[in-house]
Amino acid sequence: MKFLVERAQLRKVTTYTEMNSVLVQRTGLPGFDFERADERAAMGHLLGLIVERDYPGSKLMISALVHYLGANDAGPGFYALAQQLDLLPKGSSAMAKLEFWIGQVNSLHELHARS
């Protein structure tokens, strides 16, 4: 989670690939193999756990800072978790999802830029 807070303090986002590399560097553990569906799911699960830990204090989804390489928003797991947390209505349009994601990123930047 520290890496994501650091990204927010810099008013930046990151990719799954970069996060994977940082996890390897900081923990010494093997990285996720994104060619495998189970390992992609494991990264998603890890991000969900990070949100569960951070959300009560921040009321934001810090995983919003992680997106696909070459993409301009979060992955489907982010939106599914937002719906589970009742932050985003089920059946939201693509535009509503994008606006929600942008709001989360901007709010995270504002929150952590002050820390």
N, C-alpha and C. Protein backbone atom coordinates (compact mmCIF):
# COMPACT_ATOMS: atom_id res chain seq x y z
N MET A 1 0.81 -1.19 0.00
CA MET A 1 0.00 0.00 0.00
C MET A 1 0.86 1.26 0.00
N LYS A 2 2.01 1.18 0.61
CA LYS A 2 2.89 2.35 0.68
C LYS A 2 3.20 2.88 -0.72
N PHE A 3 3.44 1.99 -1.67
CA PHE A 3 3.74 2.41 -3.03
C PHE A 3 2.59 3.21 -3.61
N LEU A 4 1.35 2.78 -3.37
CA LEU A 4 0.20 3.50 -3.91
C LEU A 4 0.05 4.87 -3.26
N VAL A 5 0.33 4.96 -1.98
CA VAL A 5 0.31 6.27 -1.31
C VAL A 5 1.39 7.17 -1.91
N GLU A 6 2.56 6.61 -2.16
CA GLU A 6 3.63 7.40 -2.78
C GLU A 6 3.20 7.93 -4.15
N ARG A 7 2.53 7.10 -4.93
CA ARG A 7 2.05 7.53 -6.25
C ARG A 7 1.04 8.66 -6.09
N ALA A 8 0.14 8.52 -5.12
CA ALA A 8 -0.87 9.56 -4.89
C ALA A 8 -0.21 10.86 -4.46
N GLN A 9 0.81 10.78 -3.61
CA GLN A 9 1.51 11.99 -3.17
C GLN A 9 2.15 12.72 -4.35
N LEU A 10 2.58 11.96 -5.35
CA LEU A 10 3.18 12.54 -6.55
C LEU A 10 2.12 12.94 -7.59
N ARG A 11 0.84 12.70 -7.25
CA ARG A 11 -0.28 12.97 -8.17
C ARG A 11 -0.13 12.16 -9.46
N LYS A 12 0.22 10.89 -9.29
CA LYS A 12 0.40 9.99 -10.41
C LYS A 12 -0.44 8.74 -10.22
N VAL A 13 -0.56 7.98 -11.28
CA VAL A 13 -1.16 6.65 -11.23
C VAL A 13 -0.06 5.65 -11.58
N THR A 14 -0.39 4.38 -11.60
CA THR A 14 0.58 3.35 -11.93
C THR A 14 -0.12 2.26 -12.75
N THR A 15 0.66 1.33 -13.22
CA THR A 15 0.10 0.19 -13.96
C THR A 15 0.26 -1.08 -13.14
N TYR A 16 -0.48 -2.10 -13.55
CA TYR A 16 -0.32 -3.41 -12.91
C TYR A 16 1.13 -3.88 -13.06
N THR A 17 1.71 -3.63 -14.22
CA THR A 17 3.09 -4.06 -14.49
C THR A 17 4.07 -3.37 -13.55
N GLU A 18 3.93 -2.06 -13.39
CA GLU A 18 4.83 -1.33 -12.50
C GLU A 18 4.62 -1.77 -11.05
N MET A 19 3.38 -1.93 -10.66
CA MET A 19 3.12 -2.37 -9.29
C MET A 19 3.72 -3.74 -9.04
N ASN A 20 3.60 -4.63 -10.00
CA ASN A 20 4.19 -5.96 -9.90
C ASN A 20 5.70 -5.85 -9.69
N SER A 21 6.36 -5.02 -10.47
CA SER A 21 7.81 -4.83 -10.36
C SER A 21 8.20 -4.29 -8.99
N VAL A 22 7.44 -3.33 -8.50
CA VAL A 22 7.74 -2.75 -7.18
C VAL A 22 7.53 -3.79 -6.09
N LEU A 23 6.48 -4.60 -6.20
CA LEU A 23 6.27 -5.67 -5.22
C LEU A 23 7.47 -6.62 -5.18
N VAL A 24 7.98 -6.99 -6.35
CA VAL A 24 9.14 -7.87 -6.42
C VAL A 24 10.34 -7.20 -5.76
N GLN A 25 10.59 -5.94 -6.09
CA GLN A 25 11.74 -5.21 -5.55
C GLN A 25 11.64 -5.06 -4.03
N ARG A 26 10.46 -4.74 -3.54
CA ARG A 26 10.31 -4.42 -2.11
C ARG A 26 10.13 -5.64 -1.23
N THR A 27 9.64 -6.74 -1.79
CA THR A 27 9.40 -7.92 -0.97
C THR A 27 10.38 -9.05 -1.22
N GLY A 28 10.99 -9.06 -2.41
CA GLY A 28 11.86 -10.17 -2.77
C GLY A 28 11.10 -11.42 -3.20
N LEU A 29 9.79 -11.33 -3.24
CA LEU A 29 8.97 -12.47 -3.65
C LEU A 29 8.84 -12.50 -5.16
N PRO A 30 8.53 -13.66 -5.73
CA PRO A 30 8.32 -13.72 -7.18
C PRO A 30 7.14 -12.84 -7.59
N GLY A 31 7.21 -12.30 -8.78
CA GLY A 31 6.13 -11.45 -9.28
C GLY A 31 4.97 -12.28 -9.81
N PHE A 32 3.88 -11.59 -10.09
CA PHE A 32 2.72 -12.23 -10.70
C PHE A 32 2.99 -12.44 -12.18
N ASP A 33 2.52 -13.56 -12.71
CA ASP A 33 2.63 -13.85 -14.13
C ASP A 33 1.29 -13.52 -14.77
N PHE A 34 1.22 -12.35 -15.41
CA PHE A 34 -0.05 -11.87 -15.94
C PHE A 34 -0.52 -12.65 -17.16
N GLU A 35 0.28 -13.58 -17.65
CA GLU A 35 -0.16 -14.48 -18.73
C GLU A 35 -1.15 -15.52 -18.19
N ARG A 36 -1.15 -15.71 -16.88
CA ARG A 36 -2.01 -16.72 -16.23
C ARG A 36 -3.22 -16.04 -15.60
N ALA A 37 -4.39 -16.55 -15.88
CA ALA A 37 -5.63 -15.97 -15.35
C ALA A 37 -5.66 -16.00 -13.82
N ASP A 38 -5.16 -17.10 -13.22
CA ASP A 38 -5.19 -17.20 -11.77
C ASP A 38 -4.28 -16.17 -11.11
N GLU A 39 -3.18 -15.83 -11.76
CA GLU A 39 -2.27 -14.85 -11.18
C GLU A 39 -2.79 -13.43 -11.40
N ARG A 40 -3.47 -13.19 -12.51
CA ARG A 40 -4.14 -11.89 -12.69
C ARG A 40 -5.20 -11.71 -11.61
N ALA A 41 -5.93 -12.79 -11.35
CA ALA A 41 -6.96 -12.75 -10.31
C ALA A 41 -6.34 -12.52 -8.94
N ALA A 42 -5.16 -13.11 -8.71
CA ALA A 42 -4.48 -12.93 -7.43
C ALA A 42 -4.08 -11.47 -7.21
N MET A 43 -3.61 -10.81 -8.27
CA MET A 43 -3.28 -9.38 -8.16
C MET A 43 -4.54 -8.59 -7.85
N GLY A 44 -5.64 -8.93 -8.52
CA GLY A 44 -6.91 -8.27 -8.24
C GLY A 44 -7.35 -8.48 -6.80
N HIS A 45 -7.16 -9.69 -6.30
CA HIS A 45 -7.50 -9.99 -4.91
C HIS A 45 -6.65 -9.16 -3.96
N LEU A 46 -5.36 -9.07 -4.25
CA LEU A 46 -4.45 -8.26 -3.42
C LEU A 46 -4.92 -6.81 -3.39
N LEU A 47 -5.27 -6.26 -4.55
CA LEU A 47 -5.75 -4.88 -4.59
C LEU A 47 -7.04 -4.72 -3.80
N GLY A 48 -7.91 -5.72 -3.87
CA GLY A 48 -9.14 -5.68 -3.08
C GLY A 48 -8.85 -5.66 -1.59
N LEU A 49 -7.88 -6.46 -1.16
CA LEU A 49 -7.49 -6.46 0.25
C LEU A 49 -6.92 -5.11 0.68
N ILE A 50 -6.15 -4.49 -0.21
CA ILE A 50 -5.59 -3.17 0.09
C ILE A 50 -6.70 -2.15 0.26
N VAL A 51 -7.70 -2.21 -0.62
CA VAL A 51 -8.84 -1.30 -0.50
C VAL A 51 -9.57 -1.54 0.82
N GLU A 52 -9.82 -2.81 1.16
CA GLU A 52 -10.50 -3.13 2.42
C GLU A 52 -9.77 -2.54 3.62
N ARG A 53 -8.46 -2.56 3.57
CA ARG A 53 -7.64 -2.04 4.68
C ARG A 53 -7.66 -0.52 4.71
N ASP A 54 -7.60 0.11 3.54
CA ASP A 54 -7.47 1.56 3.47
C ASP A 54 -8.80 2.30 3.50
N TYR A 55 -9.83 1.70 2.95
CA TYR A 55 -11.11 2.40 2.77
C TYR A 55 -11.72 2.97 4.05
N PRO A 56 -11.72 2.22 5.17
CA PRO A 56 -12.35 2.79 6.37
C PRO A 56 -11.79 4.16 6.78
N GLY A 57 -10.52 4.38 6.55
CA GLY A 57 -9.92 5.66 6.92
C GLY A 57 -10.03 6.72 5.85
N SER A 58 -9.90 6.32 4.60
CA SER A 58 -9.86 7.30 3.51
C SER A 58 -11.21 7.52 2.84
N LYS A 59 -12.10 6.51 2.91
CA LYS A 59 -13.37 6.51 2.19
C LYS A 59 -13.16 6.60 0.68
N LEU A 60 -11.98 6.14 0.23
CA LEU A 60 -11.63 6.12 -1.18
C LEU A 60 -11.06 4.75 -1.53
N MET A 61 -11.09 4.44 -2.82
CA MET A 61 -10.56 3.16 -3.30
C MET A 61 -9.16 3.41 -3.88
N ILE A 62 -8.14 3.16 -3.06
CA ILE A 62 -6.77 3.45 -3.48
C ILE A 62 -6.35 2.63 -4.70
N SER A 63 -7.04 1.53 -4.96
CA SER A 63 -6.73 0.73 -6.16
C SER A 63 -7.08 1.47 -7.45
N ALA A 64 -7.78 2.59 -7.35
CA ALA A 64 -8.07 3.40 -8.53
C ALA A 64 -6.80 3.87 -9.21
N LEU A 65 -5.71 3.90 -8.46
CA LEU A 65 -4.44 4.38 -8.99
C LEU A 65 -3.75 3.36 -9.89
N VAL A 66 -4.29 2.13 -9.97
CA VAL A 66 -3.68 1.06 -10.75
C VAL A 66 -4.54 0.80 -11.99
N HIS A 67 -3.93 0.87 -13.16
CA HIS A 67 -4.67 0.61 -14.39
C HIS A 67 -3.83 -0.26 -15.31
N TYR A 68 -4.49 -0.73 -16.36
CA TYR A 68 -3.79 -1.56 -17.35
C TYR A 68 -2.80 -0.71 -18.13
N LEU A 69 -1.67 -1.30 -18.47
CA LEU A 69 -0.70 -0.64 -19.32
C LEU A 69 -1.36 -0.29 -20.64
N GLY A 70 -1.32 0.97 -21.01
CA GLY A 70 -1.93 1.42 -22.25
C GLY A 70 -3.41 1.72 -22.15
N ALA A 71 -4.00 1.58 -20.97
CA ALA A 71 -5.42 1.87 -20.78
C ALA A 71 -5.57 3.19 -20.03
N ASN A 72 -6.78 3.73 -20.07
CA ASN A 72 -7.00 5.02 -19.42
C ASN A 72 -7.96 4.95 -18.25
N ASP A 73 -8.20 3.76 -17.72
CA ASP A 73 -8.99 3.66 -16.51
C ASP A 73 -8.69 2.33 -15.82
N ALA A 74 -9.45 2.07 -14.78
CA ALA A 74 -9.23 0.87 -13.97
C ALA A 74 -9.83 -0.36 -14.65
N GLY A 75 -9.49 -1.52 -14.11
CA GLY A 75 -10.00 -2.77 -14.64
C GLY A 75 -11.39 -3.09 -14.12
N PRO A 76 -12.01 -4.13 -14.65
CA PRO A 76 -13.38 -4.49 -14.27
C PRO A 76 -13.51 -4.85 -12.78
N GLY A 77 -12.47 -5.39 -12.19
CA GLY A 77 -12.52 -5.72 -10.77
C GLY A 77 -12.69 -4.50 -9.89
N PHE A 78 -12.11 -3.39 -10.31
CA PHE A 78 -12.25 -2.13 -9.57
C PHE A 78 -13.72 -1.72 -9.52
N TYR A 79 -14.38 -1.77 -10.68
CA TYR A 79 -15.77 -1.35 -10.74
C TYR A 79 -16.68 -2.32 -10.00
N ALA A 80 -16.36 -3.61 -10.06
CA ALA A 80 -17.15 -4.61 -9.32
C ALA A 80 -17.05 -4.36 -7.82
N LEU A 81 -15.85 -4.07 -7.33
CA LEU A 81 -15.67 -3.78 -5.91
C LEU A 81 -16.38 -2.48 -5.54
N ALA A 82 -16.33 -1.48 -6.40
CA ALA A 82 -17.05 -0.22 -6.14
C ALA A 82 -18.54 -0.48 -5.98
N GLN A 83 -19.07 -1.38 -6.79
CA GLN A 83 -20.49 -1.72 -6.68
C GLN A 83 -20.77 -2.49 -5.40
N GLN A 84 -19.87 -3.38 -5.01
CA GLN A 84 -20.04 -4.12 -3.75
C GLN A 84 -20.03 -3.17 -2.56
N LEU A 85 -19.24 -2.11 -2.65
CA LEU A 85 -19.15 -1.12 -1.56
C LEU A 85 -20.26 -0.07 -1.65
N ASP A 86 -21.16 -0.24 -2.62
CA ASP A 86 -22.26 0.70 -2.86
C ASP A 86 -21.77 2.11 -3.17
N LEU A 87 -20.65 2.19 -3.86
CA LEU A 87 -20.11 3.48 -4.29
C LEU A 87 -20.50 3.79 -5.73
N LEU A 88 -20.88 2.76 -6.46
CA LEU A 88 -21.22 2.88 -7.87
C LEU A 88 -22.44 2.00 -8.12
N PRO A 89 -23.52 2.57 -8.68
CA PRO A 89 -24.72 1.76 -8.92
C PRO A 89 -24.46 0.62 -9.90
N LYS A 90 -25.07 -0.51 -9.64
CA LYS A 90 -24.98 -1.63 -10.58
C LYS A 90 -25.59 -1.20 -11.91
N GLY A 91 -25.02 -1.65 -13.00
CA GLY A 91 -25.52 -1.30 -14.32
C GLY A 91 -25.13 0.10 -14.76
N SER A 92 -24.14 0.70 -14.10
CA SER A 92 -23.69 2.04 -14.48
C SER A 92 -23.15 2.04 -15.90
N SER A 93 -23.36 3.13 -16.59
CA SER A 93 -22.85 3.28 -17.96
C SER A 93 -21.33 3.40 -17.95
N ALA A 94 -20.74 3.21 -19.10
CA ALA A 94 -19.29 3.37 -19.22
C ALA A 94 -18.87 4.78 -18.80
N MET A 95 -19.66 5.79 -19.15
CA MET A 95 -19.34 7.17 -18.79
C MET A 95 -19.42 7.36 -17.27
N ALA A 96 -20.44 6.80 -16.64
CA ALA A 96 -20.57 6.90 -15.18
C ALA A 96 -19.39 6.23 -14.48
N LYS A 97 -18.96 5.08 -15.01
CA LYS A 97 -17.81 4.39 -14.43
C LYS A 97 -16.55 5.24 -14.58
N LEU A 98 -16.35 5.80 -15.76
CA LEU A 98 -15.18 6.63 -16.00
C LEU A 98 -15.18 7.85 -15.08
N GLU A 99 -16.32 8.50 -14.93
CA GLU A 99 -16.42 9.66 -14.04
C GLU A 99 -16.14 9.27 -12.59
N PHE A 100 -16.64 8.10 -12.17
CA PHE A 100 -16.38 7.62 -10.82
C PHE A 100 -14.89 7.40 -10.63
N TRP A 101 -14.26 6.73 -11.58
CA TRP A 101 -12.83 6.44 -11.48
C TRP A 101 -12.02 7.74 -11.41
N ILE A 102 -12.32 8.69 -12.28
CA ILE A 102 -11.61 9.97 -12.29
C ILE A 102 -11.79 10.68 -10.94
N GLY A 103 -12.98 10.64 -10.41
CA GLY A 103 -13.23 11.25 -9.10
C GLY A 103 -12.41 10.60 -8.00
N GLN A 104 -12.29 9.28 -8.04
CA GLN A 104 -11.49 8.57 -7.05
C GLN A 104 -10.01 8.96 -7.16
N VAL A 105 -9.49 8.97 -8.38
CA VAL A 105 -8.08 9.32 -8.59
C VAL A 105 -7.82 10.74 -8.11
N ASN A 106 -8.66 11.69 -8.50
CA ASN A 106 -8.46 13.08 -8.10
C ASN A 106 -8.54 13.24 -6.58
N SER A 107 -9.49 12.56 -5.95
CA SER A 107 -9.64 12.64 -4.50
C SER A 107 -8.45 12.01 -3.77
N LEU A 108 -7.94 10.91 -4.31
CA LEU A 108 -6.74 10.28 -3.72
C LEU A 108 -5.54 11.21 -3.82
N HIS A 109 -5.39 11.85 -4.96
CA HIS A 109 -4.28 12.80 -5.15
C HIS A 109 -4.41 13.94 -4.14
N GLU A 110 -5.60 14.48 -3.99
CA GLU A 110 -5.81 15.58 -3.05
C GLU A 110 -5.53 15.14 -1.60
N LEU A 111 -6.07 13.99 -1.23
CA LEU A 111 -5.88 13.48 0.13
C LEU A 111 -4.40 13.30 0.46
N HIS A 112 -3.69 12.63 -0.43
CA HIS A 112 -2.30 12.28 -0.11
C HIS A 112 -1.30 13.36 -0.44
N ALA A 113 -1.66 14.31 -1.26
CA ALA A 113 -0.76 15.44 -1.54
C ALA A 113 -0.56 16.26 -0.27
N ARG A 114 -1.52 16.19 0.63
CA ARG A 114 -1.43 16.93 1.90
C ARG A 114 -0.66 16.17 2.96
N SER A 115 -0.39 14.89 2.72
CA SER A 115 0.27 14.07 3.76
C SER A 115 1.77 14.01 3.58
